[in-house]
Amino acid sequence: MSDPRVIAPNLKRRLSGVTATIARLVPLQVQWIDIAATGPGLPDDIPHIPLGRLPFLSRETLRVWHARRNTEMLLGLILRNVLRLRLKLLFTSASQRAHSGYTKWLIDKMDAVVATSRKTAGYLERDAQVIMHGINLHDFTPPEDKAAVRARLGLPDGLLLGCYGRIRHQKGTDAFVDAMIDLCNRFDDVHGIVMGRATEKHASFLAELKDKVAKAGLSDRILFMPEVTVDQIAEWYQVLDLFIAPQRWEGFGLTPLEAMACGVPVVATDVGAFSEIVTDPSLGRVVEPGDIPALAEAAAEMLSDRESLARSSIAARTHVEQNFDINGEAKTLVALYERLLTDT
């Protein structure tokens, strides 16, 4: 796209939550507005404008620059104030921590700000529109035959719990393992899956978790699986009866939404947007981060009532359909872009 009205920068080569958000949203938003991403590390099929073309865009056209990182806010300011492009600057914040003075200064220069949750909005010292992330309900959907998917993946019968994502202390992988050891001692038919990638920095952390499981004699019941590609992850949610999101800190956190879209209720810690996603006991439970006994007890409570667990599966899917369809997120952002473009 040579002359977009909205530009979504991604100034980070390595895959991150921001990169994934842009990759999910821009292909939908292009149906309703001329939008393109810019920067490295994005899929080839996303509408794209090279970074090197930005200084040569027409100074006559008003555009929206939708930043999601400090570096992207700074580049937007340079493009507007130094290179004199006509830009409305928009920033989306997912952070749930006090901002540095530098970040506050950048945010203050924006024309509009979006927060991905009400909790995130509380850390901003200016008005922000809350637009929560959504999920693709076609990619993430309940299975037609859960037993058949399990059999194809070589997974056991009984109740299956999962914890997916990067493997590190911040993500609470150890909390899941400790809770699973407890649950395996309470329920004979419970198994757990840990799936994700441990970077070199966290390799010893993963090794320690595997050793703990082995010493507990549970290596056949708490399974460590390698990370799968994006196009395969949905079926790994589909095989679950309960998803555990044990993070100690999170910006937003999409995994509970992905699980619930596949008809899987959730036990989550009160970080990120989790308490704004799991809003009713029919959908799951929310506990304090780092409280491993509470995590195990909440899961045990749900597993003890199999009929209620089955009803929670249906309720979880319905809740996501009604509140977290990614098309709603995309259209709400497009409406904000259009307001910025007409507010001259």
Protein backbone atom coordinates (compact mmCIF):
# COMPACT_ATOMS: atom_id res chain seq x y z
CA MET A 1 0.00 0.00 0.00
CA SER A 2 1.63 3.23 -1.19
CA ASP A 3 -0.46 5.89 0.58
CA PRO A 4 -2.31 4.57 3.67
CA ARG A 5 -4.48 6.78 5.87
CA VAL A 6 -3.53 4.76 8.98
CA ILE A 7 -0.04 3.44 9.76
CA ALA A 8 0.60 0.77 12.40
CA PRO A 9 4.34 0.68 13.19
CA ASN A 10 6.10 -2.42 14.53
CA LEU A 11 9.64 -1.42 15.49
CA LYS A 12 10.71 -4.78 16.91
CA ARG A 13 12.00 -7.67 14.85
CA ARG A 14 11.42 -10.40 17.45
CA LEU A 15 7.89 -11.76 17.82
CA SER A 16 6.00 -10.10 20.67
CA GLY A 17 2.46 -9.46 21.80
CA VAL A 18 2.44 -6.16 19.91
CA THR A 19 3.59 -7.85 16.72
CA ALA A 20 0.87 -10.48 17.09
CA THR A 21 -1.76 -7.80 17.70
CA ILE A 22 -0.83 -5.94 14.51
CA ALA A 23 -0.77 -9.19 12.55
CA ARG A 24 -4.28 -10.05 13.78
CA LEU A 25 -5.89 -6.64 13.34
CA VAL A 26 -4.52 -4.99 10.21
CA PRO A 27 -5.79 -7.67 7.75
CA LEU A 28 -9.29 -7.15 9.18
CA GLN A 29 -9.14 -3.36 9.38
CA VAL A 30 -8.06 -2.97 5.77
CA GLN A 31 -11.63 -3.97 4.83
CA TRP A 32 -12.89 -0.68 6.27
CA ILE A 33 -10.00 1.80 6.07
CA ASP A 34 -6.72 2.25 4.18
CA ILE A 35 -4.27 0.91 6.76
CA ALA A 36 -0.77 -0.50 6.48
CA ALA A 37 1.82 -1.76 8.91
CA THR A 38 5.46 -0.71 8.79
CA GLY A 39 8.61 -2.16 10.28
CA PRO A 40 10.30 -5.57 10.50
CA GLY A 41 9.13 -8.95 11.73
CA LEU A 42 5.63 -8.94 10.24
CA PRO A 43 4.03 -11.66 8.07
CA ASP A 44 4.35 -11.12 4.33
CA ASP A 45 0.59 -11.08 3.72
CA ILE A 46 -0.06 -7.98 5.86
CA PRO A 47 -0.58 -4.65 4.02
CA HIS A 48 2.81 -2.99 4.42
CA ILE A 49 4.68 0.22 3.71
CA PRO A 50 8.49 0.26 4.02
CA LEU A 51 9.95 2.40 6.79
CA GLY A 52 12.15 4.11 4.21
CA ARG A 53 9.09 5.45 2.36
CA LEU A 54 7.65 7.29 5.36
CA PRO A 55 9.67 10.53 4.96
CA PHE A 56 8.48 10.78 1.34
CA LEU A 57 4.75 10.56 2.00
CA SER A 58 2.65 13.54 0.95
CA ARG A 59 2.51 16.39 3.46
CA GLU A 60 -1.01 17.16 2.26
CA THR A 61 -2.71 14.01 3.58
CA LEU A 62 -3.77 13.64 7.21
CA ARG A 63 -2.97 10.22 8.65
CA VAL A 64 -3.20 8.32 11.92
CA TRP A 65 0.01 6.90 13.40
CA HIS A 66 -1.01 4.08 15.79
CA ALA A 67 1.91 3.41 18.15
CA ARG A 68 2.04 0.65 20.73
CA ARG A 69 5.61 1.14 22.08
CA ASN A 70 7.71 4.08 23.29
CA THR A 71 9.96 3.87 20.23
CA GLU A 72 6.94 4.11 17.98
CA MET A 73 5.54 7.13 19.82
CA LEU A 74 8.95 8.81 19.45
CA LEU A 75 9.15 8.06 15.72
CA GLY A 76 5.65 9.46 15.27
CA LEU A 77 6.72 12.69 16.97
CA ILE A 78 9.79 12.92 14.71
CA LEU A 79 7.72 12.32 11.58
CA ARG A 80 5.22 15.00 12.63
CA ASN A 81 7.37 17.63 14.27
CA VAL A 82 10.63 17.32 12.33
CA LEU A 83 9.65 15.90 8.93
CA ARG A 84 6.31 17.73 9.00
CA LEU A 85 4.00 14.88 8.04
CA ARG A 86 0.37 15.54 8.94
CA LEU A 87 -0.20 12.94 11.63
CA LYS A 88 -2.66 12.29 14.42
CA LEU A 89 -0.77 10.29 17.03
CA LEU A 90 -2.55 7.42 18.79
CA PHE A 91 -1.03 5.20 21.48
CA THR A 92 -2.34 1.90 22.82
CA SER A 93 -1.14 0.97 26.32
CA ALA A 94 -1.32 -2.55 27.77
CA SER A 95 1.07 -1.87 30.64
CA GLN A 96 -0.05 -2.24 34.26
CA ARG A 97 2.71 -0.43 36.08
CA ALA A 98 3.63 3.14 36.91
CA HIS A 99 5.07 4.82 33.82
CA SER A 100 8.50 6.45 33.78
CA GLY A 101 8.77 10.19 33.34
CA TYR A 102 9.91 9.68 29.74
CA THR A 103 6.91 7.48 28.90
CA LYS A 104 4.54 9.96 30.56
CA TRP A 105 6.06 12.73 28.43
CA LEU A 106 5.52 10.70 25.25
CA ILE A 107 1.95 9.79 26.18
CA ASP A 108 1.17 13.44 26.91
CA LYS A 109 2.11 14.29 23.31
CA MET A 110 -0.41 11.84 21.83
CA ASP A 111 -3.69 13.02 20.32
CA ALA A 112 -5.55 10.03 21.76
CA VAL A 113 -4.82 7.04 23.97
CA VAL A 114 -6.33 3.54 24.14
CA ALA A 115 -6.04 1.20 27.12
CA THR A 116 -6.52 -2.54 26.63
CA SER A 117 -8.30 -2.93 30.00
CA ARG A 118 -9.83 -0.83 32.74
CA LYS A 119 -6.97 -1.81 35.02
CA THR A 120 -4.47 -0.51 32.43
CA ALA A 121 -6.42 2.74 32.11
CA GLY A 122 -5.95 3.27 35.84
CA TYR A 123 -2.18 3.63 35.35
CA LEU A 124 -2.58 6.42 32.78
CA GLU A 125 -2.62 10.03 33.90
CA ARG A 126 -4.94 11.12 31.11
CA ASP A 127 -8.24 10.01 29.61
CA ALA A 128 -8.12 6.81 27.61
CA GLN A 129 -10.67 4.79 25.67
CA VAL A 130 -10.78 1.18 26.85
CA ILE A 131 -10.76 -1.23 23.89
CA MET A 132 -10.11 -4.79 24.96
CA HIS A 133 -8.48 -7.35 22.69
CA GLY A 134 -10.66 -9.83 20.85
CA ILE A 135 -10.18 -13.31 19.47
CA ASN A 136 -10.75 -14.86 16.04
CA LEU A 137 -13.79 -17.04 16.64
CA HIS A 138 -13.22 -19.00 13.44
CA ASP A 139 -9.67 -20.03 14.28
CA PHE A 140 -10.50 -20.75 17.93
CA THR A 141 -13.64 -22.86 18.23
CA PRO A 142 -14.83 -25.85 20.28
CA PRO A 143 -14.00 -29.28 18.79
CA GLU A 144 -16.59 -31.44 17.12
CA ASP A 145 -15.05 -34.50 18.78
CA LYS A 146 -12.66 -33.83 21.68
CA ALA A 147 -11.82 -37.52 22.11
CA ALA A 148 -10.81 -37.80 18.46
CA VAL A 149 -8.50 -34.76 18.70
CA ARG A 150 -6.90 -36.21 21.84
CA ALA A 151 -6.39 -39.57 20.15
CA ARG A 152 -4.75 -37.92 17.14
CA LEU A 153 -2.38 -35.98 19.38
CA GLY A 154 -1.61 -39.04 21.49
CA LEU A 155 -3.03 -37.58 24.70
CA PRO A 156 -4.55 -39.50 27.64
CA ASP A 157 -8.19 -39.83 28.63
CA GLY A 158 -9.60 -38.29 31.78
CA LEU A 159 -9.44 -34.63 32.78
CA LEU A 160 -6.79 -32.60 31.02
CA LEU A 161 -5.49 -29.22 32.25
CA GLY A 162 -3.18 -26.94 30.29
CA CYS A 163 -0.83 -24.00 30.78
CA TYR A 164 0.46 -22.50 27.52
CA GLY A 165 2.88 -19.68 26.79
CA ARG A 166 6.46 -18.69 27.45
CA ILE A 167 8.06 -20.74 30.19
CA ARG A 168 9.48 -18.49 32.89
CA HIS A 169 8.86 -17.40 36.48
CA GLN A 170 6.91 -14.28 35.43
CA LYS A 171 4.47 -16.48 33.55
CA GLY A 172 3.93 -18.69 36.61
CA THR A 173 4.85 -21.98 34.94
CA ASP A 174 6.23 -23.20 38.27
CA ALA A 175 2.93 -22.31 39.98
CA PHE A 176 1.09 -24.48 37.46
CA VAL A 177 3.46 -27.38 38.04
CA ASP A 178 3.12 -27.12 41.83
CA ALA A 179 -0.68 -26.90 41.56
CA MET A 180 -0.73 -29.89 39.20
CA ILE A 181 1.31 -32.01 41.60
CA ASP A 182 -1.31 -31.25 44.24
CA LEU A 183 -4.21 -31.99 41.86
CA CYS A 184 -2.69 -35.26 40.63
CA ASN A 185 -2.57 -36.41 44.25
CA ARG A 186 -6.25 -35.52 44.69
CA PHE A 187 -7.65 -36.86 41.39
CA ASP A 188 -6.65 -40.14 39.78
CA ASP A 189 -7.80 -39.13 36.29
CA VAL A 190 -6.17 -35.67 36.04
CA HIS A 191 -3.31 -34.91 33.64
CA GLY A 192 -1.57 -31.62 32.83
CA ILE A 193 0.19 -30.15 29.81
CA VAL A 194 2.88 -27.49 29.92
CA MET A 195 3.44 -26.08 26.44
CA GLY A 196 5.65 -23.22 25.36
CA ARG A 197 9.15 -22.02 24.68
CA ALA A 198 11.87 -21.49 27.23
CA THR A 199 14.60 -19.18 25.97
CA GLU A 200 18.21 -19.98 26.78
CA LYS A 201 17.99 -17.68 29.79
CA HIS A 202 15.14 -19.79 31.21
CA ALA A 203 16.38 -23.25 30.19
CA SER A 204 17.52 -24.11 33.72
CA PHE A 205 14.13 -23.01 35.07
CA LEU A 206 12.43 -25.51 32.74
CA ALA A 207 14.91 -28.25 33.65
CA GLU A 208 14.18 -27.73 37.35
CA LEU A 209 10.44 -28.05 36.73
CA LYS A 210 10.89 -31.30 34.82
CA ASP A 211 13.10 -32.63 37.61
CA LYS A 212 10.48 -31.69 40.23
CA VAL A 213 7.80 -33.56 38.30
CA ALA A 214 10.06 -36.60 37.89
CA LYS A 215 10.86 -36.68 41.61
CA ALA A 216 7.12 -36.58 42.33
CA GLY A 217 6.71 -39.64 40.12
CA LEU A 218 4.36 -37.77 37.79
CA SER A 219 6.26 -37.58 34.49
CA ASP A 220 3.51 -39.62 32.83
CA ARG A 221 0.80 -37.27 34.10
CA ILE A 222 2.35 -33.79 33.83
CA LEU A 223 3.56 -33.54 30.25
CA PHE A 224 6.01 -31.00 28.82
CA MET A 225 5.30 -30.39 25.15
CA PRO A 226 7.27 -28.31 22.65
CA GLU A 227 5.83 -25.05 21.36
CA VAL A 228 3.60 -25.44 18.31
CA THR A 229 2.97 -23.01 15.47
CA VAL A 230 0.11 -20.53 15.53
CA ASP A 231 -1.97 -22.59 13.10
CA GLN A 232 -1.77 -25.63 15.41
CA ILE A 233 -2.40 -24.09 18.82
CA ALA A 234 -6.22 -24.14 18.69
CA GLU A 235 -6.41 -27.95 18.73
CA TRP A 236 -4.25 -28.00 21.86
CA TYR A 237 -6.86 -25.86 23.59
CA GLN A 238 -9.66 -28.04 22.22
CA VAL A 239 -8.37 -31.11 24.06
CA LEU A 240 -8.50 -29.40 27.49
CA ASP A 241 -11.13 -29.52 30.22
CA LEU A 242 -9.65 -26.59 32.16
CA PHE A 243 -7.05 -23.96 31.32
CA ILE A 244 -4.80 -22.46 33.97
CA ALA A 245 -3.36 -18.95 33.53
CA PRO A 246 -0.97 -18.64 36.53
CA GLN A 247 0.92 -15.49 35.56
CA ARG A 248 2.53 -13.27 38.18
CA TRP A 249 2.45 -10.29 35.80
CA GLU A 250 0.81 -9.73 32.44
CA GLY A 251 0.01 -6.82 30.15
CA PHE A 252 -3.27 -8.14 28.75
CA GLY A 253 -2.97 -11.91 28.24
CA LEU A 254 -4.75 -13.60 25.34
CA THR A 255 -4.45 -17.24 26.42
CA PRO A 256 -7.63 -17.27 28.57
CA LEU A 257 -9.60 -15.86 25.64
CA GLU A 258 -8.13 -18.45 23.27
CA ALA A 259 -9.07 -21.22 25.70
CA MET A 260 -12.58 -19.91 26.34
CA ALA A 261 -13.22 -19.51 22.62
CA CYS A 262 -12.49 -23.24 22.35
CA GLY A 263 -15.02 -23.96 25.08
CA VAL A 264 -12.54 -24.31 27.94
CA PRO A 265 -13.21 -22.60 31.31
CA VAL A 266 -10.31 -20.88 33.03
CA VAL A 267 -8.65 -20.52 36.42
CA ALA A 268 -6.55 -17.36 36.24
CA THR A 269 -4.58 -15.05 38.48
CA ASP A 270 -5.70 -11.46 38.94
CA VAL A 271 -3.22 -9.87 36.55
CA GLY A 272 -3.55 -8.34 33.09
CA ALA A 273 -7.15 -8.29 31.92
CA PHE A 274 -7.96 -11.70 33.42
CA SER A 275 -10.46 -10.41 35.98
CA GLU A 276 -12.18 -8.48 33.17
CA ILE A 277 -12.39 -11.65 31.06
CA VAL A 278 -13.34 -14.24 33.70
CA THR A 279 -16.17 -12.17 35.13
CA ASP A 280 -18.46 -14.87 36.54
CA PRO A 281 -18.04 -18.19 38.41
CA SER A 282 -19.76 -19.92 35.51
CA LEU A 283 -16.68 -19.09 33.41
CA GLY A 284 -13.95 -20.02 35.90
CA ARG A 285 -12.15 -18.59 38.89
CA VAL A 286 -9.72 -15.71 39.58
CA VAL A 287 -7.16 -15.95 42.39
CA GLU A 288 -4.32 -13.80 43.64
CA PRO A 289 -1.03 -14.14 41.72
CA GLY A 290 1.55 -16.33 43.42
CA ASP A 291 -1.01 -18.03 45.68
CA ILE A 292 -0.40 -21.64 44.61
CA PRO A 293 -2.72 -23.25 47.20
CA ALA A 294 -5.55 -20.96 46.04
CA LEU A 295 -4.78 -21.84 42.41
CA ALA A 296 -4.95 -25.58 43.16
CA GLU A 297 -8.08 -25.21 45.30
CA ALA A 298 -9.93 -23.22 42.62
CA ALA A 299 -9.08 -25.85 40.02
CA ALA A 300 -10.08 -28.68 42.37
CA GLU A 301 -13.42 -27.00 43.03
CA MET A 302 -14.19 -26.90 39.32
CA LEU A 303 -12.93 -30.43 38.64
CA SER A 304 -15.01 -31.88 41.49
CA ASP A 305 -18.31 -31.08 39.76
CA ARG A 306 -18.11 -32.57 36.29
CA GLU A 307 -21.61 -31.47 35.26
CA SER A 308 -20.86 -27.88 36.26
CA LEU A 309 -17.56 -28.07 34.39
CA ALA A 310 -19.43 -29.12 31.22
CA ARG A 311 -21.84 -26.18 31.63
CA SER A 312 -18.86 -23.85 32.10
CA SER A 313 -17.50 -25.00 28.75
CA ILE A 314 -20.64 -23.78 27.00
CA ALA A 315 -20.77 -20.57 29.02
CA ALA A 316 -17.13 -19.76 28.22
CA ARG A 317 -17.68 -19.96 24.46
CA THR A 318 -20.88 -17.92 24.66
CA HIS A 319 -19.16 -15.23 26.74
CA VAL A 320 -16.37 -14.81 24.21
CA GLU A 321 -18.80 -14.74 21.29
CA GLN A 322 -20.79 -11.96 22.95
CA ASN A 323 -17.91 -9.84 24.23
CA PHE A 324 -14.57 -10.63 22.61
CA ASP A 325 -15.01 -11.14 18.88
CA ILE A 326 -11.91 -9.67 17.22
CA ASN A 327 -14.09 -8.01 14.60
CA GLY A 328 -15.54 -5.84 17.34
CA GLU A 329 -12.06 -4.75 18.44
CA ALA A 330 -11.04 -4.02 14.85
CA LYS A 331 -14.18 -1.99 14.06
CA THR A 332 -13.99 0.03 17.30
CA LEU A 333 -10.41 1.02 16.47
CA VAL A 334 -11.41 1.93 12.91
CA ALA A 335 -14.15 4.19 14.29
CA LEU A 336 -11.52 5.90 16.45
CA TYR A 337 -9.23 6.34 13.43
CA GLU A 338 -12.07 7.94 11.50
CA ARG A 339 -12.83 10.35 14.36
CA LEU A 340 -9.18 11.40 14.49
CA LEU A 341 -9.08 11.89 10.72
CA THR A 342 -12.16 14.11 10.71
CA ASP A 343 -11.19 16.08 13.85
CA THR A 344 -8.95 18.60 12.15
